[in-house]
Amino acid sequence: MSASPRNVVLICVDQWRGDCLSGAGHPVVRTPYLDQLAGRGARFDRAYSAVPSCIPARAALHTGLAQESHGRTGYRDGVPWEYPTTLAGEFGRHGYQTRAIGKLHTYPERNRLGFDEVTLHDGYLHFARERGRDPRFHDDYLAWLERQPGEVPGSDYADNGLDCNSVVARPWDRAERLHPTNWVVSEAIDFLYRRDPTAPFLLHLSFHRPHPPYDPPRWAFEQYAGAPQYEPVRGDWADALEGWRDDSRADANLASYDAGTVQRARAGYYGHMSHIDQQIQRFVAALGEFGLGEDTWICFTSDHGEMLGEHGLWRKAYPYEGSARVPLILAGPPGELPRGSAPSEVVELRDVMPTLLECAGLAVPDGLDGRSVLPLARGEDVADWRPYLHGEHTLFGESMQWLTDGREKYVWFSGGGREQLFDLVADPQELHDLAADGAERVTLWRSRLVDVLRGRPEGFVEGDSLVVGRPAAEVQPGVA
């Protein structure tokens, strides 16, 4: 450990798109305090979640591993988390006090991942929400809510009927202080009172929102309800996904909803962001009041994004920018980083663990797939940075495989072999599929994917060719 160990705060939000920061030029959403945080350090504009849904993304975040190593290539609940080396475990091994508050989404739910203590709210976790099972086993926020003045035994944040994956939106109907977003920060401030003052700390704040339900406080909802009418973009390739369409479901992966529903969903989604932005400022202000503001590293990121109706798609797990690109901000104590930098290298959630260890002056263990982005944040030239990133996700019985170098993106669907190619510089919204007209570029990217997938147990590769129709799994052998 360094002579003057730094405190570290890792803030993770759920389902926050990488473009949804006003400092990154978003035309509607306003995030002044996150922009201010980015102004103290670096905002990475090409940060991705390689397997963009809750469980595999968090596996990468907490282990520093790529999906080939942590073994989660899709979303499946109920698979034990058995990783010998974790972010919190490494900090604890070096004498740090470690605490997690909010969403972990592990199994069993009380798996601490190396943290000294966890205080949980994973949101409406279908796998755990069984009538007859005491919620205190898996949801500390819900148990806390029942004890608040005006509430009764059995009080539930789901009493308003909103679904945790749907587009239906309405303002929060309780006092704002009872919202799970506020609860995470209230618990964090309480930790600052009760922490061991003789040890540095790693504090993980994990907000369930802006993931649905879209129920921000009324002020936050209403400031976006009157925004200009939202018309989700639609690529010239989107008709190929029509087989996924189900307009009868409020939680569909692909659907065409009426304009009013879409507008309210956006108001709920953006409203959550403004609410979180202000609560993060509440926490940062408290750090300063405790005299810790100038001795703490802060990292802000998300597990994945949200398509928000683009190309007809909702939710996450897709290879497209709305789903796979995430925000990543690294802010250091004064003088540690150049102010307001925006590195363009492709980084991924697996890079967070080695980054925070280096920020704290701790050794990075062998065997990680991620690399510290601290040199990039300092403006150093890292000549051997990864040339491209491999991502994937199993959905609807096939694997969506993708590669990107931040300038182009190649996508391959394992079920039928359909390929896509996007120019992310000229076409950041992925409106035009160039695969049919870019044979040379497609061939190059296909060969790279063959190299990445060679030897995978699914048998995606034979010889030098991709093979279609292989069974695709959410977890790799040896994990389930």
Protein backbone atom coordinates (compact mmCIF):
# COMPACT_ATOMS: atom_id res chain seq x y z
CA MET A 1 0.00 0.00 0.00
CA SER A 2 1.16 3.51 -0.74
CA ALA A 3 2.25 5.78 2.11
CA SER A 4 -0.90 7.89 1.75
CA PRO A 5 -3.69 5.53 0.64
CA ARG A 6 -6.59 7.14 -1.15
CA ASN A 7 -10.23 6.41 -0.54
CA VAL A 8 -12.12 5.07 -3.55
CA VAL A 9 -15.80 5.42 -4.45
CA LEU A 10 -17.23 3.36 -7.30
CA ILE A 11 -20.65 4.56 -8.44
CA CYS A 12 -22.56 2.25 -10.76
CA VAL A 13 -25.98 3.00 -12.20
CA ASP A 14 -28.22 0.59 -14.08
CA GLN A 15 -29.19 0.94 -17.76
CA TRP A 16 -27.70 4.42 -18.35
CA ARG A 17 -26.81 5.09 -21.99
CA GLY A 18 -23.32 6.31 -22.76
CA ASP A 19 -24.59 9.40 -24.59
CA CYS A 20 -26.87 10.58 -21.77
CA LEU A 21 -24.67 13.25 -20.23
CA SER A 22 -25.20 16.91 -21.01
CA GLY A 23 -21.43 17.35 -20.97
CA ALA A 24 -21.23 14.81 -23.81
CA GLY A 25 -23.59 16.92 -25.89
CA HIS A 26 -26.94 15.26 -25.25
CA PRO A 27 -29.66 17.60 -26.53
CA VAL A 28 -32.21 16.96 -23.77
CA VAL A 29 -30.94 15.32 -20.59
CA ARG A 30 -29.21 17.59 -18.07
CA THR A 31 -26.53 16.24 -15.73
CA PRO A 32 -24.70 19.31 -14.37
CA TYR A 33 -23.11 17.59 -11.39
CA LEU A 34 -21.81 14.60 -13.32
CA ASP A 35 -20.45 17.08 -15.87
CA GLN A 36 -18.74 18.87 -12.99
CA LEU A 37 -17.29 15.55 -11.79
CA ALA A 38 -15.98 14.83 -15.29
CA GLY A 39 -14.42 18.29 -15.29
CA ARG A 40 -12.16 17.13 -12.44
CA GLY A 41 -10.76 14.30 -14.51
CA ALA A 42 -11.66 12.23 -17.56
CA ARG A 43 -14.83 11.23 -19.40
CA PHE A 44 -14.30 8.21 -21.64
CA ASP A 45 -16.45 8.59 -24.74
CA ARG A 46 -15.84 5.04 -26.01
CA ALA A 47 -16.63 2.96 -22.94
CA TYR A 48 -18.56 -0.27 -23.46
CA SER A 49 -20.20 -3.15 -21.68
CA ALA A 50 -19.05 -6.23 -23.59
CA VAL A 51 -22.03 -8.37 -22.50
CA PRO A 52 -24.62 -5.65 -21.97
CA SER A 53 -27.07 -6.93 -19.39
CA CYS A 54 -27.04 -6.75 -15.61
CA ILE A 55 -25.39 -9.99 -14.49
CA PRO A 56 -22.53 -10.45 -16.99
CA ALA A 57 -21.72 -6.73 -16.92
CA ARG A 58 -21.34 -6.79 -13.15
CA ALA A 59 -19.20 -9.90 -13.38
CA ALA A 60 -16.77 -7.93 -15.54
CA LEU A 61 -16.94 -4.91 -13.22
CA HIS A 62 -16.14 -6.86 -10.06
CA THR A 63 -13.60 -9.35 -11.44
CA GLY A 64 -11.65 -7.47 -14.11
CA LEU A 65 -12.35 -10.37 -16.48
CA ALA A 66 -13.67 -10.61 -20.02
CA GLN A 67 -16.62 -12.88 -20.73
CA GLU A 68 -14.32 -15.61 -22.02
CA SER A 69 -12.87 -15.73 -18.49
CA HIS A 70 -15.84 -14.99 -16.19
CA GLY A 71 -18.01 -17.25 -18.33
CA ARG A 72 -21.24 -15.25 -18.51
CA THR A 73 -22.20 -14.67 -22.14
CA GLY A 74 -25.85 -13.81 -21.53
CA TYR A 75 -28.35 -13.23 -18.73
CA ARG A 76 -29.18 -16.08 -16.37
CA ASP A 77 -30.20 -15.80 -12.73
CA GLY A 78 -29.41 -18.40 -10.10
CA VAL A 79 -25.84 -19.20 -11.17
CA PRO A 80 -23.45 -19.03 -8.18
CA TRP A 81 -20.75 -16.39 -8.16
CA GLU A 82 -17.52 -18.22 -7.37
CA TYR A 83 -14.64 -15.92 -8.29
CA PRO A 84 -11.48 -16.15 -6.18
CA THR A 85 -10.29 -12.64 -7.05
CA THR A 86 -12.62 -9.64 -6.83
CA LEU A 87 -12.39 -5.88 -6.65
CA ALA A 88 -13.48 -5.69 -3.02
CA GLY A 89 -11.41 -8.70 -2.04
CA GLU A 90 -8.23 -7.08 -3.32
CA PHE A 91 -8.93 -3.80 -1.53
CA GLY A 92 -9.75 -5.68 1.66
CA ARG A 93 -6.55 -7.68 1.40
CA HIS A 94 -4.64 -4.39 1.51
CA GLY A 95 -6.38 -3.13 4.64
CA TYR A 96 -9.26 -1.19 3.13
CA GLN A 97 -12.67 -1.10 4.77
CA THR A 98 -15.10 -2.12 2.03
CA ARG A 99 -18.83 -1.49 1.78
CA ALA A 100 -21.41 -1.97 -0.98
CA ILE A 101 -24.81 -0.27 -0.99
CA GLY A 102 -27.56 -0.96 -3.52
CA LYS A 103 -27.52 -3.38 -6.46
CA LEU A 104 -25.07 -6.27 -6.70
CA HIS A 105 -27.24 -8.83 -8.56
CA THR A 106 -25.16 -11.81 -7.45
CA TYR A 107 -26.20 -15.30 -6.40
CA PRO A 108 -26.79 -16.15 -3.66
CA GLU A 109 -28.08 -12.62 -3.14
CA ARG A 110 -26.07 -12.23 0.06
CA ASN A 111 -22.81 -13.14 -1.66
CA ARG A 112 -20.59 -10.28 -0.49
CA LEU A 113 -18.06 -10.50 -3.36
CA GLY A 114 -15.33 -9.72 -0.85
CA PHE A 115 -17.01 -6.65 0.69
CA ASP A 116 -16.99 -6.37 4.48
CA GLU A 117 -20.69 -5.51 4.38
CA VAL A 118 -23.41 -5.23 1.76
CA THR A 119 -26.73 -3.40 2.05
CA LEU A 120 -28.92 -4.56 -0.82
CA HIS A 121 -31.52 -3.25 -3.20
CA ASP A 122 -31.41 -5.01 -6.55
CA GLY A 123 -34.78 -3.63 -7.63
CA TYR A 124 -37.63 -5.98 -8.43
CA LEU A 125 -35.57 -9.12 -8.81
CA HIS A 126 -37.94 -11.71 -10.28
CA PHE A 127 -35.73 -14.61 -9.28
CA ALA A 128 -35.92 -13.65 -5.59
CA ARG A 129 -39.42 -12.20 -5.34
CA GLU A 130 -41.39 -15.20 -4.11
CA ARG A 131 -44.46 -14.81 -1.91
CA GLY A 132 -43.67 -16.58 1.31
CA ARG A 133 -40.00 -15.64 1.23
CA ASP A 134 -39.10 -12.87 3.66
CA PRO A 135 -37.70 -9.94 1.62
CA ARG A 136 -35.15 -9.30 4.34
CA PHE A 137 -33.19 -12.17 2.82
CA HIS A 138 -32.50 -10.15 -0.33
CA ASP A 139 -33.75 -6.54 -0.09
CA ASP A 140 -32.65 -4.23 2.71
CA TYR A 141 -34.35 -1.23 1.15
CA LEU A 142 -37.75 -2.91 1.15
CA ALA A 143 -37.34 -3.93 4.79
CA TRP A 144 -36.34 -0.33 5.61
CA LEU A 145 -39.32 1.10 3.71
CA GLU A 146 -41.79 -0.92 5.78
CA ARG A 147 -40.42 0.70 8.95
CA GLN A 148 -40.86 4.31 7.81
CA PRO A 149 -43.58 6.57 9.29
CA GLY A 150 -46.83 6.21 7.38
CA GLU A 151 -45.91 2.80 5.99
CA VAL A 152 -47.32 -0.52 7.15
CA PRO A 153 -46.05 -4.10 7.15
CA GLY A 154 -46.17 -5.26 3.57
CA SER A 155 -45.58 -1.80 2.10
CA ASP A 156 -43.82 -2.25 -1.22
CA TYR A 157 -42.27 0.02 -3.83
CA ALA A 158 -44.21 -2.13 -6.36
CA ASP A 159 -47.58 -1.08 -4.88
CA ASN A 160 -48.17 1.34 -7.78
CA GLY A 161 -48.21 -1.56 -10.25
CA LEU A 162 -45.31 -0.49 -12.44
CA ASP A 163 -43.30 -3.29 -14.00
CA CYS A 164 -39.52 -3.34 -13.64
CA ASN A 165 -38.88 -3.70 -17.38
CA SER A 166 -41.77 -1.87 -19.02
CA VAL A 167 -42.17 1.48 -20.77
CA VAL A 168 -45.04 2.55 -18.50
CA ALA A 169 -44.05 5.63 -16.51
CA ARG A 170 -45.48 7.71 -13.67
CA PRO A 171 -43.95 9.93 -10.98
CA TRP A 172 -42.92 8.48 -7.61
CA ASP A 173 -45.95 8.59 -5.31
CA ARG A 174 -44.19 8.74 -1.93
CA ALA A 175 -42.02 11.38 -0.30
CA GLU A 176 -38.79 11.81 -2.26
CA ARG A 177 -36.68 10.86 0.75
CA LEU A 178 -38.19 7.35 0.50
CA HIS A 179 -37.09 6.79 -3.10
CA PRO A 180 -34.47 4.03 -3.51
CA THR A 181 -32.13 6.54 -5.17
CA ASN A 182 -32.18 8.74 -2.05
CA TRP A 183 -31.88 5.66 0.17
CA VAL A 184 -28.55 4.65 -1.41
CA VAL A 185 -27.05 8.06 -0.65
CA SER A 186 -28.55 8.22 2.86
CA GLU A 187 -26.95 4.85 3.62
CA ALA A 188 -23.65 6.08 2.16
CA ILE A 189 -23.62 9.18 4.34
CA ASP A 190 -24.40 7.02 7.35
CA PHE A 191 -21.37 4.89 6.44
CA LEU A 192 -19.18 8.01 6.48
CA TYR A 193 -20.21 8.53 10.11
CA ARG A 194 -19.61 4.92 11.11
CA ARG A 195 -16.52 4.01 9.10
CA ASP A 196 -13.23 3.09 10.70
CA PRO A 197 -11.23 6.36 10.63
CA THR A 198 -7.94 4.47 10.85
CA ALA A 199 -8.42 2.70 7.48
CA PRO A 200 -9.00 3.92 3.94
CA PHE A 201 -12.25 2.76 2.35
CA LEU A 202 -13.68 1.38 -0.86
CA LEU A 203 -17.33 2.40 -1.09
CA HIS A 204 -19.53 1.00 -3.86
CA LEU A 205 -22.76 2.94 -4.51
CA SER A 206 -24.94 1.01 -6.93
CA PHE A 207 -28.19 2.67 -8.01
CA HIS A 208 -30.97 0.52 -9.49
CA ARG A 209 -32.26 3.44 -11.57
CA PRO A 210 -32.53 4.71 -14.36
CA HIS A 211 -33.58 1.10 -15.04
CA PRO A 212 -37.37 0.82 -15.04
CA PRO A 213 -39.72 1.25 -13.31
CA TYR A 214 -39.76 4.78 -14.69
CA ASP A 215 -40.84 6.46 -11.46
CA PRO A 216 -38.61 9.45 -10.67
CA PRO A 217 -39.87 12.21 -8.36
CA ARG A 218 -42.53 14.41 -9.94
CA TRP A 219 -40.22 17.40 -10.44
CA ALA A 220 -37.77 15.22 -12.35
CA PHE A 221 -40.48 13.58 -14.48
CA GLU A 222 -42.21 16.84 -15.34
CA GLN A 223 -39.08 18.69 -16.48
CA TYR A 224 -38.82 16.24 -19.42
CA ALA A 225 -42.51 15.54 -20.07
CA GLY A 226 -42.74 18.73 -22.13
CA ALA A 227 -39.54 18.19 -24.09
CA PRO A 228 -39.81 18.22 -27.89
CA GLN A 229 -41.60 15.17 -29.23
CA TYR A 230 -39.27 12.20 -29.34
CA GLU A 231 -39.05 10.29 -32.62
CA PRO A 232 -36.73 7.28 -32.13
CA VAL A 233 -34.37 6.77 -35.03
CA ARG A 234 -34.80 3.72 -37.25
CA GLY A 235 -32.00 2.19 -39.28
CA ASP A 236 -32.37 1.00 -42.85
CA TRP A 237 -31.73 -2.52 -41.53
CA ALA A 238 -34.29 -2.61 -38.72
CA ASP A 239 -36.91 -4.62 -40.64
CA ALA A 240 -34.66 -7.67 -40.25
CA LEU A 241 -35.53 -7.75 -36.54
CA GLU A 242 -39.32 -7.80 -36.99
CA GLY A 243 -39.48 -11.39 -35.79
CA TRP A 244 -38.83 -10.11 -32.27
CA ARG A 245 -41.76 -7.68 -32.36
CA ASP A 246 -44.58 -7.90 -29.84
CA ASP A 247 -46.71 -4.76 -29.64
CA SER A 248 -48.96 -6.39 -27.02
CA ARG A 249 -46.30 -6.26 -24.31
CA ALA A 250 -45.33 -3.20 -22.30
CA ASP A 251 -41.93 -4.82 -21.71
CA ALA A 252 -41.23 -5.98 -25.26
CA ASN A 253 -37.75 -6.15 -26.73
CA LEU A 254 -39.10 -4.76 -29.99
CA ALA A 255 -42.40 -2.91 -30.29
CA SER A 256 -44.05 0.14 -31.82
CA TYR A 257 -45.66 2.14 -29.03
CA ASP A 258 -47.84 5.22 -29.39
CA ALA A 259 -46.13 8.61 -29.22
CA GLY A 260 -47.54 9.45 -25.80
CA THR A 261 -46.21 6.27 -24.21
CA VAL A 262 -42.80 6.84 -25.75
CA GLN A 263 -42.72 10.43 -24.54
CA ARG A 264 -43.62 9.43 -20.98
CA ALA A 265 -41.05 6.64 -21.00
CA ARG A 266 -38.37 9.12 -22.01
CA ALA A 267 -39.50 11.55 -19.29
CA GLY A 268 -39.25 8.78 -16.71
CA TYR A 269 -35.86 7.62 -17.96
CA TYR A 270 -34.29 11.07 -18.17
CA GLY A 271 -36.01 12.10 -14.94
CA HIS A 272 -34.21 9.28 -13.13
CA MET A 273 -30.94 10.62 -14.50
CA SER A 274 -31.50 14.14 -13.20
CA HIS A 275 -32.54 12.72 -9.84
CA ILE A 276 -29.42 10.52 -9.60
CA ASP A 277 -27.28 13.46 -10.72
CA GLN A 278 -28.52 15.55 -7.79
CA GLN A 279 -28.15 12.73 -5.29
CA ILE A 280 -24.57 12.14 -6.41
CA GLN A 281 -23.94 15.81 -5.73
CA ARG A 282 -25.50 15.32 -2.29
CA PHE A 283 -22.97 12.58 -1.62
CA VAL A 284 -20.00 14.51 -3.04
CA ALA A 285 -20.93 17.49 -0.87
CA ALA A 286 -21.05 15.20 2.18
CA LEU A 287 -17.57 13.87 1.34
CA GLY A 288 -16.34 17.45 1.47
CA GLU A 289 -18.09 18.09 4.79
CA PHE A 290 -16.35 15.05 6.26
CA GLY A 291 -13.02 16.40 5.02
CA LEU A 292 -12.63 13.57 2.51
CA GLY A 293 -13.28 15.37 -0.75
CA GLU A 294 -9.63 15.95 -1.62
CA ASP A 295 -8.44 12.46 -0.71
CA THR A 296 -10.93 10.33 -2.66
CA TRP A 297 -11.05 8.90 -6.17
CA ILE A 298 -14.52 8.68 -7.72
CA CYS A 299 -15.46 6.48 -10.68
CA PHE A 300 -18.91 6.63 -12.29
CA THR A 301 -20.20 4.07 -14.77
CA SER A 302 -23.16 1.89 -15.78
CA ASP A 303 -23.66 -1.80 -16.40
CA HIS A 304 -25.24 -1.24 -19.84
CA GLY A 305 -27.46 1.16 -21.75
CA GLU A 306 -31.08 1.28 -22.99
CA MET A 307 -32.25 1.32 -26.61
CA LEU A 308 -35.19 3.64 -25.78
CA GLY A 309 -37.06 2.72 -28.96
CA GLU A 310 -34.20 3.22 -31.41
CA HIS A 311 -34.62 0.89 -34.40
CA GLY A 312 -37.81 -0.32 -32.68
CA LEU A 313 -35.76 -1.84 -29.83
CA TRP A 314 -36.21 -1.42 -26.10
CA ARG A 315 -34.23 -2.63 -23.09
CA LYS A 316 -30.65 -3.94 -23.52
CA ALA A 317 -28.44 -6.93 -24.48
CA TYR A 318 -27.96 -5.76 -28.08
CA PRO A 319 -24.67 -4.88 -29.81
CA TYR A 320 -25.88 -1.40 -30.77
CA GLU A 321 -24.57 1.81 -29.22
CA GLY A 322 -27.69 2.59 -27.18
CA SER A 323 -27.36 -0.75 -25.41
CA ALA A 324 -23.62 -1.48 -25.32
CA ARG A 325 -22.02 1.95 -24.81
CA VAL A 326 -21.89 3.23 -21.23
CA PRO A 327 -20.68 6.34 -19.42
CA LEU A 328 -17.33 6.19 -17.64
CA ILE A 329 -16.01 9.09 -15.59
CA LEU A 330 -12.85 9.04 -13.48
CA ALA A 331 -12.28 11.95 -11.10
CA GLY A 332 -9.21 12.20 -8.92
CA PRO A 333 -8.06 14.25 -5.96
CA PRO A 334 -6.72 17.69 -6.92
CA GLY A 335 -3.66 17.54 -9.15
CA GLU A 336 -3.95 13.84 -9.95
CA LEU A 337 -5.43 14.21 -13.44
CA PRO A 338 -5.62 16.80 -16.21
CA ARG A 339 -8.98 18.50 -16.05
CA GLY A 340 -11.76 17.69 -18.46
CA SER A 341 -10.02 15.19 -20.74
CA ALA A 342 -12.00 12.91 -23.05
CA PRO A 343 -9.87 9.89 -24.08
CA SER A 344 -11.07 8.22 -27.28
CA GLU A 345 -9.68 4.72 -26.70
CA VAL A 346 -12.12 1.83 -26.44
CA VAL A 347 -12.41 0.82 -22.79
CA GLU A 348 -14.66 -1.70 -21.05
CA LEU A 349 -16.07 -2.54 -17.62
CA ARG A 350 -13.30 -5.11 -17.07
CA ASP A 351 -10.90 -2.13 -16.93
CA VAL A 352 -12.52 -0.60 -13.83
CA MET A 353 -11.00 -3.00 -11.27
CA PRO A 354 -7.34 -2.55 -12.34
CA THR A 355 -7.93 1.19 -12.72
CA LEU A 356 -9.18 1.67 -9.17
CA LEU A 357 -6.43 -0.50 -7.74
CA GLU A 358 -3.82 1.64 -9.50
CA CYS A 359 -5.56 4.83 -8.35
CA ALA A 360 -5.19 3.57 -4.77
CA GLY A 361 -1.56 2.64 -5.29
CA LEU A 362 -2.28 -1.08 -4.88
CA ALA A 363 -0.86 -3.97 -6.87
CA VAL A 364 -2.99 -5.27 -9.71
CA PRO A 365 -3.24 -9.07 -9.44
CA ASP A 366 -2.12 -11.32 -12.26
CA GLY A 367 -4.69 -12.94 -14.50
CA LEU A 368 -6.98 -9.98 -15.16
CA ASP A 369 -8.18 -9.26 -18.69
CA GLY A 370 -8.79 -5.59 -18.00
CA ARG A 371 -6.17 -2.86 -17.93
CA SER A 372 -5.94 0.33 -15.96
CA VAL A 373 -7.22 3.38 -17.85
CA LEU A 374 -5.37 5.71 -15.49
CA PRO A 375 -2.55 6.34 -18.01
CA LEU A 376 -5.17 7.28 -20.62
CA ALA A 377 -6.84 9.62 -18.15
CA ARG A 378 -3.45 11.25 -17.56
CA GLY A 379 -3.05 11.85 -21.28
CA GLU A 380 -0.25 9.35 -21.75
CA ASP A 381 0.30 7.63 -25.07
CA VAL A 382 -0.41 3.92 -24.58
CA ALA A 383 0.77 2.43 -27.85
CA ASP A 384 -0.28 -1.14 -27.10
CA TRP A 385 -3.87 -0.39 -26.05
CA ARG A 386 -6.41 -2.96 -27.32
CA PRO A 387 -6.99 -2.52 -31.07
CA TYR A 388 -10.62 -3.53 -30.79
CA LEU A 389 -13.14 -4.92 -28.32
CA HIS A 390 -15.10 -8.15 -28.57
CA GLY A 391 -18.64 -8.16 -27.23
CA GLU A 392 -21.53 -10.59 -27.34
CA HIS A 393 -24.88 -11.54 -25.85
CA THR A 394 -27.17 -14.54 -26.21
CA LEU A 395 -30.80 -13.58 -26.85
CA PHE A 396 -33.72 -15.37 -28.50
CA GLY A 397 -31.67 -18.52 -28.90
CA GLU A 398 -28.74 -17.03 -30.82
CA SER A 399 -25.55 -15.20 -30.00
CA MET A 400 -25.08 -11.64 -31.20
CA GLN A 401 -21.31 -11.26 -31.63
CA TRP A 402 -19.69 -7.88 -32.24
CA LEU A 403 -16.35 -6.15 -32.58
CA THR A 404 -15.54 -2.45 -32.49
CA ASP A 405 -12.49 -0.22 -32.56
CA GLY A 406 -14.60 2.85 -31.82
CA ARG A 407 -14.65 3.85 -35.49
CA GLU A 408 -16.36 0.84 -37.04
CA LYS A 409 -18.55 -1.91 -35.65
CA TYR A 410 -19.06 -5.40 -37.05
CA VAL A 411 -21.97 -7.59 -35.92
CA TRP A 412 -22.60 -11.29 -36.60
CA PHE A 413 -25.78 -13.17 -35.65
CA SER A 414 -24.98 -16.82 -34.96
CA GLY A 415 -28.46 -18.13 -35.74
CA GLY A 416 -28.52 -17.29 -39.43
CA GLY A 417 -25.16 -15.69 -40.10
CA ARG A 418 -26.44 -12.18 -40.85
CA GLU A 419 -23.66 -9.59 -40.75
CA GLN A 420 -23.74 -5.85 -40.16
CA LEU A 421 -21.11 -3.13 -40.53
CA PHE A 422 -21.44 0.41 -39.21
CA ASP A 423 -19.29 3.51 -39.62
CA LEU A 424 -19.50 4.97 -36.11
CA VAL A 425 -17.71 8.18 -37.09
CA ALA A 426 -19.98 9.17 -39.97
CA ASP A 427 -23.05 7.37 -38.63
CA PRO A 428 -22.99 7.27 -34.80
CA GLN A 429 -26.69 6.32 -34.65
CA GLU A 430 -26.05 3.20 -36.75
CA LEU A 431 -28.67 4.10 -39.32
CA HIS A 432 -26.93 2.59 -42.33
CA ASP A 433 -25.76 -1.00 -42.56
CA LEU A 434 -22.73 -1.03 -44.86
CA ALA A 435 -22.20 -4.81 -44.92
CA ALA A 436 -23.61 -5.31 -48.43
CA ASP A 437 -21.35 -2.65 -49.95
CA GLY A 438 -18.21 -3.10 -47.86
CA ALA A 439 -17.06 -6.61 -48.68
CA GLU A 440 -13.39 -5.89 -48.00
CA ARG A 441 -14.05 -4.37 -44.59
CA VAL A 442 -16.52 -7.12 -43.69
CA THR A 443 -13.96 -9.77 -44.63
CA LEU A 444 -11.37 -8.13 -42.39
CA TRP A 445 -13.70 -7.94 -39.41
CA ARG A 446 -15.02 -11.46 -39.99
CA SER A 447 -11.48 -12.82 -39.89
CA ARG A 448 -10.89 -11.02 -36.62
CA LEU A 449 -14.02 -12.54 -35.13
CA VAL A 450 -12.92 -15.98 -36.31
CA ASP A 451 -9.66 -15.49 -34.40
CA VAL A 452 -11.56 -14.39 -31.28
CA LEU A 453 -14.05 -17.28 -31.34
CA ARG A 454 -11.66 -20.05 -32.34
CA GLY A 455 -11.83 -22.82 -29.78
CA ARG A 456 -15.06 -21.66 -28.14
CA PRO A 457 -17.15 -24.61 -26.86
CA GLU A 458 -20.17 -23.60 -28.95
CA GLY A 459 -18.25 -24.45 -32.11
CA PHE A 460 -18.76 -21.07 -33.74
CA VAL A 461 -15.63 -21.63 -35.85
CA GLU A 462 -14.55 -24.47 -38.13
CA GLY A 463 -11.31 -24.01 -40.00
CA ASP A 464 -11.27 -20.33 -40.91
CA SER A 465 -15.05 -19.90 -41.17
CA LEU A 466 -17.87 -18.89 -38.87
CA VAL A 467 -20.48 -21.59 -38.40
CA VAL A 468 -24.16 -20.70 -38.08
CA GLY A 469 -26.85 -22.47 -36.11
CA ARG A 470 -24.74 -23.60 -33.15
CA PRO A 471 -26.55 -23.68 -29.80
CA ALA A 472 -25.82 -20.46 -27.88
CA ALA A 473 -25.56 -20.40 -24.10
CA GLU A 474 -25.99 -17.70 -21.45
CA VAL A 475 -23.16 -19.20 -19.39
CA GLN A 476 -20.13 -21.16 -20.45
CA PRO A 477 -19.31 -24.72 -19.30
CA GLY A 478 -17.84 -24.78 -15.83
CA VAL A 479 -19.83 -21.73 -14.67
CA ALA A 480 -23.36 -23.14 -14.42
